[in-house]
């Protein structure tokens, strides 16, 4: 099966921080893949902007090296690379001063979609937005893409939103969360809202609980100073996991339009009950050498969590009484991102006590091996009477849709949505602020109590306290394989 590719309009895209890690690892390789697949039209222009004073040809050489490092060898087609590099330009620019802005302005072409990707530290967002506006480089139809973190708390998030709002309207601001660009996350919406099968069961009457897991095998080495001032709560829960929770729990929107979708997500965040001590567990990986958080972070006295598990409740008619369990951590057993929806036991079994019922679970796998499976009870084959067995109705995207299907990376999809002017998969300012308004009191509470995170071994499934969080409710976490 070949994915349908619909080209976007011609555009001028400026990437601030174009020599940085995110641009090299994700943004530029993603743009090349969209060019190779025919989604970016001839005549589009990509301008790298950074402090480094390098010639355009050196920038193009750097991009070529990034493509060779981060893409599969089969994707590297010489003539496609050559034509992609021809689209690239470069300007040396001072985000806090005046140098380079006139040159950048001269590179912009009239009647083109203009997009500006802020792949820089949040402290530079305001200065860049101000200069784009004051120099007339951005017009009313321009778009800006803002990378996380969107503030460090509610106060800084409000300040950041206010700064951007001085120069751009809300419909021009694209706050990117790459989790929303994942194929499986979007398929979650399709499964819920394009099929009658699940939606009548999607409530507390039929669902026992929901688990959301994002486990990483990597530590914080290389970004220890940033992470130690953030932690798992700010780095993952406030944005990625909160967005996944919203998509699982939200009411059906009246249409698949940006504000309709975001209105329903906002309602979920505002319906979250305050979380209490005993409903969350913080952890910190502790090992030897580079597998020890205190070494990775460079702070021997750190109380920052590299793991958090929590039990959350949504106070509305659909979900009252159904808990949502979230967990995320560094240096864990394996790299897994999944959502598991566990359904309740049938009210009566006609098959006798010898046939033990096993949970019906819908599992949405974000990584690795994107796909979904539904565990159901069936009769075990054979003549030995009615013996029940649970099996998975498995749908791997690669197998179901063809192994040759080219599934775009999340950044590829989201950048193309920016060019189209589609904000459906981007966060709105009030969403961000509502999430911080819920998160802040939790962080303030453990900081006032000077809570110490519970140690856990690198390569494990997290601290023991996380297991007890589920066990005391008579439930258990899904195994991280």
Protein backbone atom coordinates (compact mmCIF):
# COMPACT_ATOMS: atom_id res chain seq x y z
CA UNK A 1 0.00 0.00 0.00
CA UNK A 2 1.37 3.41 -0.99
CA UNK A 3 0.50 6.43 1.12
CA UNK A 4 -1.22 9.24 -0.75
CA UNK A 5 0.99 12.34 -0.88
CA UNK A 6 -0.66 15.74 -1.30
CA UNK A 7 1.83 18.54 -2.05
CA UNK A 8 1.71 21.72 0.00
CA UNK A 9 1.98 25.27 -1.30
CA UNK A 10 5.34 26.86 -2.06
CA UNK A 11 6.80 28.34 1.08
CA UNK A 12 9.69 30.12 2.73
CA UNK A 13 10.67 28.32 5.96
CA UNK A 14 13.23 29.86 8.32
CA UNK A 15 14.75 27.57 10.95
CA UNK A 16 16.25 29.52 13.85
CA UNK A 17 18.85 27.33 15.54
CA UNK A 18 19.51 25.50 12.26
CA UNK A 19 22.92 24.24 13.39
CA UNK A 20 21.53 22.75 16.61
CA UNK A 21 20.84 19.13 17.49
CA UNK A 22 17.07 19.16 16.89
CA UNK A 23 17.44 20.71 13.44
CA UNK A 24 20.14 18.23 12.45
CA UNK A 25 18.45 15.18 13.95
CA UNK A 26 14.78 15.77 13.13
CA UNK A 27 13.78 18.95 11.28
CA UNK A 28 16.12 18.92 8.28
CA UNK A 29 16.03 15.14 7.70
CA UNK A 30 12.24 15.31 7.95
CA UNK A 31 12.08 18.06 5.34
CA UNK A 32 14.32 16.05 3.02
CA UNK A 33 12.01 13.03 3.33
CA UNK A 34 8.98 15.18 2.44
CA UNK A 35 10.91 16.54 -0.55
CA UNK A 36 11.89 13.06 -1.67
CA UNK A 37 8.26 11.91 -1.44
CA UNK A 38 7.05 14.83 -3.54
CA UNK A 39 5.17 16.72 -0.82
CA UNK A 40 7.39 19.81 -0.95
CA UNK A 41 7.04 21.53 -4.33
CA UNK A 42 9.79 22.98 -6.46
CA UNK A 43 10.34 26.62 -5.64
CA UNK A 44 10.13 26.16 -1.87
CA UNK A 45 12.97 27.69 0.15
CA UNK A 46 14.47 26.66 3.50
CA UNK A 47 16.68 29.21 5.28
CA UNK A 48 18.91 28.21 8.16
CA UNK A 49 19.51 30.96 10.73
CA UNK A 50 21.98 30.72 13.59
CA UNK A 51 24.81 32.55 15.36
CA UNK A 52 27.52 30.55 13.59
CA UNK A 53 29.24 32.60 10.90
CA UNK A 54 29.46 30.01 8.13
CA UNK A 55 29.10 30.23 4.35
CA UNK A 56 26.01 28.81 2.69
CA UNK A 57 27.98 25.95 1.13
CA UNK A 58 29.30 24.91 4.54
CA UNK A 59 25.75 24.87 5.87
CA UNK A 60 24.69 22.66 2.99
CA UNK A 61 27.60 20.32 3.72
CA UNK A 62 26.51 20.16 7.35
CA UNK A 63 22.98 19.25 6.27
CA UNK A 64 24.27 16.54 3.95
CA UNK A 65 26.27 15.06 6.82
CA UNK A 66 23.14 15.16 9.03
CA UNK A 67 21.10 13.31 6.39
CA UNK A 68 23.78 10.63 6.12
CA UNK A 69 23.94 10.26 9.91
CA UNK A 70 20.25 10.18 10.80
CA UNK A 71 18.51 8.62 7.80
CA UNK A 72 18.36 5.06 6.55
CA UNK A 73 20.85 4.39 3.77
CA UNK A 74 17.99 3.43 1.41
CA UNK A 75 16.53 6.93 1.75
CA UNK A 76 19.69 8.64 0.53
CA UNK A 77 19.16 9.25 -3.18
CA UNK A 78 21.96 11.34 -4.69
CA UNK A 79 19.91 13.42 -7.10
CA UNK A 80 17.22 14.04 -4.46
CA UNK A 81 19.85 15.14 -1.94
CA UNK A 82 21.43 17.46 -4.50
CA UNK A 83 18.12 19.12 -5.40
CA UNK A 84 17.15 19.39 -1.71
CA UNK A 85 20.43 21.12 -0.85
CA UNK A 86 19.78 23.61 -3.65
CA UNK A 87 16.69 24.73 -1.73
CA UNK A 88 18.78 25.69 1.30
CA UNK A 89 20.12 29.10 2.17
CA UNK A 90 21.77 30.41 5.32
CA UNK A 91 22.03 33.64 7.26
CA UNK A 92 24.16 34.46 10.28
CA UNK A 93 21.87 36.18 12.74
CA UNK A 94 21.94 37.65 16.23
CA UNK A 95 18.68 36.72 17.96
CA UNK A 96 19.29 39.38 20.63
CA UNK A 97 20.72 42.12 18.41
CA UNK A 98 20.44 43.71 14.98
CA UNK A 99 22.90 41.72 12.89
CA UNK A 100 21.50 39.61 10.07
CA UNK A 101 17.87 40.69 10.13
CA UNK A 102 18.07 42.88 7.02
CA UNK A 103 19.67 39.99 5.15
CA UNK A 104 16.95 37.62 6.30
CA UNK A 105 14.27 40.07 5.22
CA UNK A 106 15.77 40.28 1.74
CA UNK A 107 15.53 36.49 1.38
CA UNK A 108 11.77 36.44 1.91
CA UNK A 109 9.62 36.40 -1.21
CA UNK A 110 6.21 38.04 -1.65
CA UNK A 111 3.09 35.90 -2.03
CA UNK A 112 4.70 32.94 -0.28
CA UNK A 113 3.62 31.10 2.85
CA UNK A 114 6.14 32.17 5.50
CA UNK A 115 6.91 29.96 8.49
CA UNK A 116 9.49 30.50 11.22
CA UNK A 117 10.63 27.57 13.34
CA UNK A 118 11.99 28.60 16.78
CA UNK A 119 14.37 25.69 17.43
CA UNK A 120 16.14 27.72 20.13
CA UNK A 121 16.02 28.26 23.88
CA UNK A 122 12.72 29.74 25.11
CA UNK A 123 14.61 32.78 26.40
CA UNK A 124 15.12 33.79 22.74
CA UNK A 125 11.48 33.43 21.65
CA UNK A 126 10.47 36.96 22.58
CA UNK A 127 13.43 38.67 20.90
CA UNK A 128 12.97 36.72 17.67
CA UNK A 129 9.21 37.35 17.59
CA UNK A 130 9.76 41.07 18.21
CA UNK A 131 12.33 41.45 15.42
CA UNK A 132 10.31 39.45 12.90
CA UNK A 133 7.40 41.79 13.56
CA UNK A 134 9.27 45.09 13.75
CA UNK A 135 11.35 44.43 10.63
CA UNK A 136 8.29 43.47 8.62
CA UNK A 137 9.71 40.00 7.93
CA UNK A 138 6.55 38.32 9.25
CA UNK A 139 3.11 39.39 8.04
CA UNK A 140 -0.43 38.51 9.13
CA UNK A 141 -0.30 35.23 7.19
CA UNK A 142 3.01 34.10 8.66
CA UNK A 143 3.28 31.25 11.17
CA UNK A 144 5.71 30.61 14.00
CA UNK A 145 6.54 27.16 15.40
CA UNK A 146 7.47 27.11 19.09
CA UNK A 147 9.32 24.18 20.65
CA UNK A 148 8.82 23.10 24.26
CA UNK A 149 9.33 23.81 27.08
CA UNK A 150 6.37 26.19 27.11
CA UNK A 151 7.40 27.77 30.37
CA UNK A 152 8.57 26.22 33.61
CA UNK A 153 5.36 26.87 35.54
CA UNK A 154 2.05 28.71 35.13
CA UNK A 155 3.59 32.14 35.66
CA UNK A 156 6.32 31.69 33.04
CA UNK A 157 3.89 30.05 30.60
CA UNK A 158 1.55 33.03 30.88
CA UNK A 159 4.46 35.41 30.38
CA UNK A 160 5.62 33.50 27.30
CA UNK A 161 2.11 33.44 25.83
CA UNK A 162 1.75 37.16 26.49
CA UNK A 163 5.08 37.91 24.82
CA UNK A 164 4.21 35.96 21.69
CA UNK A 165 0.73 37.53 21.63
CA UNK A 166 2.30 41.00 21.40
CA UNK A 167 3.49 40.21 17.89
CA UNK A 168 1.40 37.27 16.61
CA UNK A 169 -2.23 36.23 16.79
CA UNK A 170 -3.10 32.89 18.39
CA UNK A 171 -3.95 31.39 14.99
CA UNK A 172 -0.35 32.10 13.90
CA UNK A 173 1.31 30.32 16.86
CA UNK A 174 2.02 26.58 16.53
CA UNK A 175 3.13 25.06 19.85
CA UNK A 176 4.58 21.75 18.77
CA UNK A 177 4.32 18.51 20.73
CA UNK A 178 5.76 15.78 18.51
CA UNK A 179 3.71 13.08 20.27
CA UNK A 180 0.60 14.47 18.57
CA UNK A 181 2.20 13.88 15.18
CA UNK A 182 2.66 10.14 15.72
CA UNK A 183 0.63 7.93 13.42
CA UNK A 184 -0.78 5.84 16.26
CA UNK A 185 -1.93 8.87 18.24
CA UNK A 186 -3.94 10.05 15.27
CA UNK A 187 -5.24 6.54 14.71
CA UNK A 188 -6.52 6.62 18.27
CA UNK A 189 -8.86 9.41 17.19
CA UNK A 190 -9.89 7.41 14.11
CA UNK A 191 -10.59 4.27 16.17
CA UNK A 192 -12.70 6.24 18.65
CA UNK A 193 -14.63 8.53 16.36
CA UNK A 194 -14.80 6.72 12.99
CA UNK A 195 -16.14 3.42 14.38
CA UNK A 196 -19.34 2.73 16.31
CA UNK A 197 -17.65 -0.25 17.98
CA UNK A 198 -15.84 1.47 20.84
CA UNK A 199 -17.50 4.80 21.56
CA UNK A 200 -20.61 3.35 23.30
CA UNK A 201 -18.23 1.51 25.67
CA UNK A 202 -15.88 4.46 26.19
CA UNK A 203 -16.93 5.42 29.71
CA UNK A 204 -16.73 4.44 33.37
CA UNK A 205 -19.57 1.92 33.03
CA UNK A 206 -17.43 -0.38 30.89
CA UNK A 207 -13.80 0.71 31.40
CA UNK A 208 -12.06 -0.34 34.61
CA UNK A 209 -8.95 1.82 34.22
CA UNK A 210 -6.51 3.30 31.70
CA UNK A 211 -2.70 3.06 31.78
CA UNK A 212 -0.38 5.41 29.89
CA UNK A 213 3.30 4.43 29.86
CA UNK A 214 6.26 6.24 28.32
CA UNK A 215 9.47 4.40 29.27
CA UNK A 216 12.91 5.36 28.00
CA UNK A 217 16.19 3.44 28.17
CA UNK A 218 18.34 6.56 27.92
CA UNK A 219 19.40 8.66 30.89
CA UNK A 220 19.80 12.42 31.10
CA UNK A 221 23.47 12.51 30.12
CA UNK A 222 24.14 15.38 27.75
CA UNK A 223 21.23 17.44 29.03
CA UNK A 224 21.65 16.92 32.77
CA UNK A 225 21.70 20.59 33.74
CA UNK A 226 18.43 21.29 31.92
CA UNK A 227 16.74 18.12 33.11
CA UNK A 228 17.73 18.64 36.74
CA UNK A 229 15.86 21.94 36.74
CA UNK A 230 12.87 20.25 35.12
CA UNK A 231 12.33 16.60 36.03
CA UNK A 232 9.91 14.05 34.65
CA UNK A 233 6.84 16.00 35.77
CA UNK A 234 7.71 19.13 33.81
CA UNK A 235 9.56 17.40 30.97
CA UNK A 236 6.99 14.69 30.16
CA UNK A 237 3.76 14.77 32.19
CA UNK A 238 2.80 18.42 31.69
CA UNK A 239 2.92 18.07 27.91
CA UNK A 240 3.29 14.63 26.28
CA UNK A 241 1.37 12.47 28.76
CA UNK A 242 -1.23 15.16 29.40
CA UNK A 243 -1.97 15.33 25.68
CA UNK A 244 -2.33 11.54 25.43
CA UNK A 245 -4.68 11.60 28.42
CA UNK A 246 -6.78 14.29 26.75
CA UNK A 247 -7.13 12.34 23.50
CA UNK A 248 -8.22 9.22 25.38
CA UNK A 249 -10.67 11.01 27.68
CA UNK A 250 -12.13 13.89 25.67
CA UNK A 251 -15.71 14.07 24.44
CA UNK A 252 -16.33 13.69 20.70
CA UNK A 253 -15.79 17.13 19.09
CA UNK A 254 -18.43 18.43 16.71
CA UNK A 255 -15.89 18.32 13.86
CA UNK A 256 -12.25 17.56 13.14
CA UNK A 257 -11.34 21.22 13.28
CA UNK A 258 -8.52 22.77 15.34
CA UNK A 259 -10.56 24.68 17.91
CA UNK A 260 -13.23 21.99 18.20
CA UNK A 261 -10.56 19.44 19.10
CA UNK A 262 -8.71 21.75 21.45
CA UNK A 263 -11.89 22.88 23.21
CA UNK A 264 -12.59 19.25 24.20
CA UNK A 265 -9.02 18.64 25.37
CA UNK A 266 -9.17 21.75 27.52
CA UNK A 267 -12.35 20.47 29.21
CA UNK A 268 -10.50 17.30 30.25
CA UNK A 269 -7.62 19.22 31.83
CA UNK A 270 -10.03 21.46 33.73
CA UNK A 271 -11.94 18.42 35.01
CA UNK A 272 -8.85 16.78 36.56
CA UNK A 273 -9.08 16.34 40.32
CA UNK A 274 -6.18 17.75 42.36
CA UNK A 275 -3.67 14.99 43.01
CA UNK A 276 -2.78 14.14 46.59
CA UNK A 277 0.22 12.62 48.39
CA UNK A 278 -0.11 8.86 48.10
CA UNK A 279 -1.44 9.16 44.55
CA UNK A 280 1.99 9.61 43.00
CA UNK A 281 5.47 8.10 43.32
CA UNK A 282 8.68 9.83 42.30
CA UNK A 283 11.84 7.90 41.47
CA UNK A 284 15.46 8.51 40.56
CA UNK A 285 17.71 5.98 38.84
CA UNK A 286 20.74 5.15 40.93
CA UNK A 287 23.54 2.93 39.69
CA UNK A 288 27.23 3.11 39.01
CA UNK A 289 29.16 5.63 36.96
CA UNK A 290 27.20 7.03 34.03
CA UNK A 291 24.11 5.03 35.04
CA UNK A 292 23.62 7.13 38.14
CA UNK A 293 21.34 10.16 37.97
CA UNK A 294 23.46 12.17 40.40
CA UNK A 295 26.46 11.71 38.08
CA UNK A 296 24.46 12.35 34.88
CA UNK A 297 22.92 15.52 36.26
CA UNK A 298 26.12 16.82 37.81
CA UNK A 299 24.26 17.49 41.06
CA UNK A 300 25.15 15.13 43.94
CA UNK A 301 22.35 16.58 46.10
CA UNK A 302 19.60 16.45 43.49
CA UNK A 303 16.02 15.67 44.53
CA UNK A 304 14.78 15.82 40.93
CA UNK A 305 12.72 12.86 39.73
CA UNK A 306 13.72 10.86 36.63
CA UNK A 307 10.59 8.72 37.08
CA UNK A 308 7.04 9.47 38.12
CA UNK A 309 3.92 7.35 38.40
CA UNK A 310 0.55 8.79 39.34
CA UNK A 311 -3.12 8.03 39.70
CA UNK A 312 -5.44 10.63 38.21
CA UNK A 313 -9.21 11.13 38.25
CA UNK A 314 -11.43 13.08 35.88
CA UNK A 315 -14.56 14.50 37.50
CA UNK A 316 -17.16 14.38 34.77
CA UNK A 317 -20.06 12.10 33.86
CA UNK A 318 -18.08 9.98 31.43
CA UNK A 319 -15.14 9.13 33.68
CA UNK A 320 -16.21 9.51 37.31
CA UNK A 321 -14.75 6.53 39.20
CA UNK A 322 -12.38 5.34 36.47
CA UNK A 323 -8.72 5.94 37.39
CA UNK A 324 -6.03 6.89 34.88
CA UNK A 325 -2.56 5.62 35.77
CA UNK A 326 0.39 7.43 34.19
CA UNK A 327 4.09 6.56 34.41
CA UNK A 328 7.22 7.74 32.68
CA UNK A 329 10.89 7.33 33.43
CA UNK A 330 14.50 7.32 32.26
CA UNK A 331 16.92 4.36 32.28
CA UNK A 332 14.14 1.81 32.28
CA UNK A 333 14.07 -1.77 31.06
CA UNK A 334 13.07 -0.99 27.50
CA UNK A 335 11.80 1.80 25.28
CA UNK A 336 8.01 1.62 25.28
CA UNK A 337 5.21 4.11 24.73
CA UNK A 338 1.69 2.77 24.94
CA UNK A 339 -1.86 3.42 26.08
CA UNK A 340 -3.78 0.47 27.54
CA UNK A 341 -7.55 0.68 28.02
CA UNK A 342 -8.71 -2.12 30.35
CA UNK A 343 -12.38 -3.07 30.23
CA UNK A 344 -14.42 -4.37 33.15
CA UNK A 345 -15.21 -8.01 33.81
CA UNK A 346 -18.53 -9.35 32.47
CA UNK A 347 -21.18 -9.25 35.22
CA UNK A 348 -21.71 -13.02 35.05
CA UNK A 349 -19.73 -15.97 33.67
CA UNK A 350 -21.60 -18.93 32.19
CA UNK A 351 -18.40 -20.97 31.77
CA UNK A 352 -17.74 -22.03 35.35
CA UNK A 353 -14.94 -21.37 37.81
CA UNK A 354 -12.39 -23.45 35.89
CA UNK A 355 -12.36 -20.85 33.13
CA UNK A 356 -10.66 -17.84 34.65
CA UNK A 357 -11.56 -14.58 32.92
CA UNK A 358 -8.71 -12.41 31.70
CA UNK A 359 -9.00 -8.72 31.07
CA UNK A 360 -10.11 -7.36 27.71
CA UNK A 361 -7.49 -4.73 26.94
CA UNK A 362 -7.16 -2.38 23.99
CA UNK A 363 -3.47 -1.50 23.62
CA UNK A 364 -2.37 1.42 21.46
CA UNK A 365 1.39 1.14 20.80
CA UNK A 366 3.16 4.40 19.99
CA UNK A 367 6.65 2.89 19.94
CA UNK A 368 8.22 0.59 19.01
CA UNK A 369 6.23 -1.25 16.31
CA UNK A 370 3.36 1.23 16.02
CA UNK A 371 -0.03 -0.42 16.04
CA UNK A 372 -2.91 -1.67 18.16
CA UNK A 373 -4.08 -4.93 19.63
CA UNK A 374 -7.20 -6.00 21.46
CA UNK A 375 -7.06 -8.92 23.88
CA UNK A 376 -10.26 -10.99 23.85
CA UNK A 377 -11.38 -14.34 25.24
CA UNK A 378 -11.93 -17.23 22.78
CA UNK A 379 -12.42 -20.99 22.99
CA UNK A 380 -9.15 -22.87 23.04
CA UNK A 381 -9.06 -25.12 19.94
CA UNK A 382 -9.52 -28.84 20.51
CA UNK A 383 -12.09 -31.43 21.62
CA UNK A 384 -11.49 -31.06 25.38
CA UNK A 385 -14.62 -29.10 26.19
CA UNK A 386 -15.11 -25.36 26.65
CA UNK A 387 -11.72 -24.05 27.72
CA UNK A 388 -11.20 -20.32 27.35
CA UNK A 389 -8.01 -18.58 26.29
CA UNK A 390 -7.14 -14.91 25.84
CA UNK A 391 -5.58 -13.92 22.51
CA UNK A 392 -4.63 -10.68 20.82
CA UNK A 393 -6.37 -9.39 17.74
CA UNK A 394 -3.21 -7.68 16.54
CA UNK A 395 -2.84 -4.89 14.01
CA UNK A 396 0.67 -3.78 13.25
CA UNK A 397 0.59 -0.86 10.82
CA UNK A 398 3.50 -2.30 8.86
CA UNK A 399 1.74 -5.66 8.43
CA UNK A 400 -1.82 -4.42 7.98
CA UNK A 401 -1.02 -1.63 5.54
CA UNK A 402 2.01 -3.15 3.82
CA UNK A 403 5.65 -3.32 4.81
CA UNK A 404 6.51 -0.80 2.10
CA UNK A 405 4.28 1.87 3.65
CA UNK A 406 6.31 4.97 4.41
CA UNK A 407 4.99 6.33 7.72
CA UNK A 408 6.20 9.92 8.16
CA UNK A 409 8.05 10.90 11.30
CA UNK A 410 5.98 13.08 13.65
CA UNK A 411 8.03 16.19 12.83
CA UNK A 412 7.48 15.69 9.10
CA UNK A 413 3.72 15.60 9.48
CA UNK A 414 3.58 18.54 11.87
CA UNK A 415 5.78 20.82 9.77
CA UNK A 416 3.61 20.10 6.72
CA UNK A 417 0.56 20.99 8.83
CA UNK A 418 2.20 24.32 9.66
CA UNK A 419 2.59 25.07 5.95
CA UNK A 420 -1.05 24.12 5.38
CA UNK A 421 -2.16 26.34 8.25
CA UNK A 422 -3.74 23.43 10.15
CA UNK A 423 -3.47 23.78 13.95
CA UNK A 424 -5.43 20.63 14.88
CA UNK A 425 -2.37 18.79 16.24
CA UNK A 426 -0.86 21.79 18.02
CA UNK A 427 -1.53 23.08 21.52
CA UNK A 428 -3.43 26.27 22.16
CA UNK A 429 -2.22 28.78 24.75
CA UNK A 430 -5.06 28.14 27.20
CA UNK A 431 -4.36 24.39 27.06
CA UNK A 432 -0.77 24.98 28.09
CA UNK A 433 -1.78 27.26 30.94
CA UNK A 434 -4.47 24.86 32.19
CA UNK A 435 -1.96 22.01 32.29
CA UNK A 436 0.48 24.10 34.32
CA UNK A 437 -2.33 25.18 36.66
CA UNK A 438 -2.88 21.50 37.50
CA UNK A 439 0.82 20.55 37.67
CA UNK A 440 2.11 23.48 39.75
CA UNK A 441 0.40 22.58 43.06
CA UNK A 442 1.73 19.02 42.84
CA UNK A 443 5.32 20.22 42.42
CA UNK A 444 4.90 22.89 45.10
CA UNK A 445 3.64 20.22 47.51
CA UNK A 446 6.60 17.89 47.21
CA UNK A 447 9.05 20.78 47.27
CA UNK A 448 7.54 22.11 50.51
CA UNK A 449 7.74 18.63 52.05
CA UNK A 450 11.27 18.19 50.65
CA UNK A 451 10.28 14.76 49.36
CA UNK A 452 13.15 12.53 48.30
CA UNK A 453 12.65 10.47 45.12
CA UNK A 454 12.76 6.71 45.62
CA UNK A 455 15.88 5.07 44.08
CA UNK A 456 15.46 2.46 41.35
CA UNK A 457 17.96 0.37 39.41
CA UNK A 458 18.82 1.32 35.83
CA UNK A 459 17.27 -1.22 33.46
CA UNK A 460 14.35 -1.91 35.82
CA UNK A 461 10.66 -1.02 35.57
CA UNK A 462 10.92 1.76 38.16
CA UNK A 463 10.75 2.01 41.96
CA UNK A 464 8.84 -0.41 44.18
CA UNK A 465 6.51 2.35 45.27
CA UNK A 466 5.08 2.53 41.75
CA UNK A 467 4.07 -1.13 41.96
CA UNK A 468 2.35 -0.51 45.29
CA UNK A 469 0.45 2.43 43.79
CA UNK A 470 -1.38 -0.11 41.62
CA UNK A 471 -1.36 -3.08 44.00
CA UNK A 472 -3.30 -1.26 46.72
CA UNK A 473 -6.09 -0.79 44.14
CA UNK A 474 -6.01 -4.48 43.24
CA UNK A 475 -4.46 -3.75 39.85
CA UNK A 476 -1.03 -4.09 38.28
CA UNK A 477 1.05 -2.28 35.71
CA UNK A 478 1.41 -3.84 32.30
CA UNK A 479 4.80 -5.47 31.89
CA UNK A 480 7.54 -3.47 30.21
CA UNK A 481 9.20 -6.07 28.02
